[in-house]
């Protein structure tokens, strides 16, 4: 059985995911979660069809303007490329697809980076140690727990999903606050995690080398961090919103 502290963490993650589905967008011209960000991770691919991306870290140097931090890193994306998250589809150009459950695409948009996770026990308050049967990510749109991480027993035997502690490339990773939409089957269980290999695509997550995932865990800890996953054409359209990046 998970500890009370761990179970609270799962339920908080579930609540964030479910709450995100009702967020209103006050300004349709720019991402609505970027203004309060202290750090920004840009995952940039050449096109919507590309399975590879570069990753760059940015932080605010005076509370307003952004500066690049460190060197660019390699990442792999979904096996079928990219598609817009339903919550950010207003930014899509004509003909660009929208993310659907099981489409093998990494969602395009701006997502708040959540807690670090992994297999090893950590004393950090922001770290979730994955345990078999205790961290089950629901990918079944029939379930009211769709896109939430809960104990397997809470999800029920008939519900599909991932027992995260049994997935080798989740040995180190980060949760993303990916917005839930059961009605649209808008995608679920979107994480940052270790890649299988540099040439091996994911089924919808963002994956990097182990040491880069570990660096991202440390760098984002304790700071409001947003990850932007974008193809270059969308980045060119949105970059004026992100002064200094």
Foldseek 3Di string as FASTA:
>chain_A
DDDPLLQVVQVVLLVLQAVLQPDDDPDLQAAPQPLQFQKEKEWEAADQQAQKTKIWIWGDPPSAAIDTDDDIFIKTFFPRGEAAQPVNCSLDDPPGHAAAQQPRHAHFDKWWWAAKEAQDDDPDPRYHHQDFQAFWAFLALVFPSHQTTGGNVVRDPVTDTDSLNVDVFSRIWIDTSRHDDSVRNRYHDAIETADPDSPDGDSHYMHGHPVVRVVVNVVCPPTGYMYGYYYVVSCVSHVVVRHND
